[in-house]
Amino acid sequence: MSVKISPNASNLCNPEIQNLEAYLLRTFEPVRPRQEFVQGLRGKLANPTVQKTDQPTFLQSALLVGAGILGSVLVVVASVKAVLSLLHAFKVLRQSKA
């Protein structure tokens, strides 16, 4: 099976592209797809189906909200601890200089 490349302006302008296309034609052998595959693909493209996603359950939603609250509390606690550590370090530095 031979494949013909239709000439267009972009292919004719650049000899490197022509060389690349010739190399690809020599290297790869074209494959004819199965008829069932083509028909299935045409059907999917002509009549796309919308897939419905499952809604999260109450338990999943509750766990997600709980994890968000717990994460927020941990960030606040860590921030307060960091600020207190910095204040304590500056207080110690001030006392040692005096």
Protein backbone atom coordinates (compact mmCIF):
# COMPACT_ATOMS: atom_id res chain seq x y z
CA MET A 1 0.00 0.00 0.00
CA SER A 2 1.48 3.33 -0.99
CA VAL A 3 0.49 6.64 0.49
CA LYS A 4 0.42 9.76 -1.65
CA ILE A 5 1.13 13.07 -0.02
CA SER A 6 -0.83 15.88 -1.54
CA PRO A 7 1.49 18.78 -2.27
CA ASN A 8 0.67 22.07 -0.67
CA ALA A 9 2.50 25.34 -0.22
CA SER A 10 4.04 24.50 3.15
CA ASN A 11 5.47 21.18 1.93
CA LEU A 12 6.96 22.69 -1.22
CA CYS A 13 8.66 25.58 0.58
CA ASN A 14 10.91 23.58 2.86
CA PRO A 15 13.08 20.73 1.52
CA GLU A 16 13.74 19.52 5.09
CA ILE A 17 10.03 18.80 5.49
CA GLN A 18 10.01 16.91 2.20
CA ASN A 19 13.01 14.86 3.34
CA LEU A 20 11.35 14.12 6.66
CA GLU A 21 8.11 13.03 4.98
CA ALA A 22 10.04 10.79 2.57
CA TYR A 23 11.94 9.25 5.50
CA LEU A 24 8.72 8.60 7.41
CA LEU A 25 7.14 6.97 4.36
CA ARG A 26 10.17 4.67 3.98
CA THR A 27 10.35 3.87 7.69
CA PHE A 28 6.73 3.25 8.64
CA GLU A 29 4.34 0.95 6.86
CA PRO A 30 0.79 2.30 6.74
CA VAL A 31 -1.80 0.17 8.53
CA ARG A 32 -5.43 -0.10 7.47
CA PRO A 33 -7.70 0.01 10.56
CA ARG A 34 -10.29 -2.69 11.17
CA GLN A 35 -13.74 -1.85 9.82
CA GLU A 36 -15.36 -2.44 13.25
CA PHE A 37 -13.01 0.12 14.80
CA VAL A 38 -13.82 2.71 12.13
CA GLN A 39 -17.58 2.16 12.48
CA GLY A 40 -17.41 2.35 16.27
CA LEU A 41 -15.37 5.55 16.11
CA ARG A 42 -17.78 7.12 13.62
CA GLY A 43 -20.70 6.21 15.89
CA LYS A 44 -19.01 7.75 18.93
CA LEU A 45 -18.17 10.93 17.03
CA ALA A 46 -21.65 11.24 15.54
CA ASN A 47 -23.51 10.53 18.81
CA PRO A 48 -21.35 11.48 21.78
CA THR A 49 -22.68 10.24 25.10
CA VAL A 50 -22.48 12.20 28.32
CA GLN A 51 -21.32 10.10 31.23
CA LYS A 52 -22.99 10.87 34.52
CA THR A 53 -20.66 10.97 37.49
CA ASP A 54 -21.73 9.67 40.86
CA GLN A 55 -22.55 12.25 43.49
CA PRO A 56 -20.49 11.94 46.68
CA THR A 57 -22.29 10.25 49.56
CA PHE A 58 -23.06 12.02 52.81
CA LEU A 59 -20.19 10.17 54.50
CA GLN A 60 -17.71 11.28 51.83
CA SER A 61 -18.88 14.87 52.11
CA ALA A 62 -18.70 14.79 55.90
CA LEU A 63 -15.19 13.32 55.81
CA LEU A 64 -14.08 15.97 53.33
CA VAL A 65 -15.46 18.80 55.47
CA GLY A 66 -13.96 17.27 58.62
CA ALA A 67 -10.55 16.93 56.96
CA GLY A 68 -10.73 20.56 55.82
CA ILE A 69 -11.58 21.77 59.32
CA LEU A 70 -8.87 19.61 60.92
CA GLY A 71 -6.30 20.83 58.41
CA SER A 72 -7.25 24.44 59.07
CA VAL A 73 -6.96 23.96 62.84
CA LEU A 74 -3.52 22.38 62.43
CA VAL A 75 -2.33 25.30 60.27
CA VAL A 76 -3.56 27.81 62.85
CA VAL A 77 -1.92 25.91 65.74
CA ALA A 78 1.38 25.62 63.87
CA SER A 79 1.28 29.33 63.00
CA VAL A 80 0.63 30.34 66.61
CA LYS A 81 3.43 28.06 67.81
CA ALA A 82 5.83 29.55 65.24
CA VAL A 83 4.96 33.11 66.28
CA LEU A 84 5.38 32.27 69.97
CA SER A 85 8.74 30.63 69.26
CA LEU A 86 9.92 33.70 67.36
CA LEU A 87 8.77 36.02 70.15
CA HIS A 88 10.53 33.85 72.73
CA ALA A 89 13.73 33.79 70.65
CA PHE A 90 13.76 37.60 70.29
CA LYS A 91 13.06 38.01 74.00
CA VAL A 92 16.01 35.72 74.84
CA LEU A 93 18.25 37.59 72.41
CA ARG A 94 17.27 40.95 73.90
CA GLN A 95 17.98 39.74 77.45
CA SER A 96 21.39 38.29 76.54
CA LYS A 97 22.54 41.58 74.90
CA ALA A 98 21.63 43.67 77.90
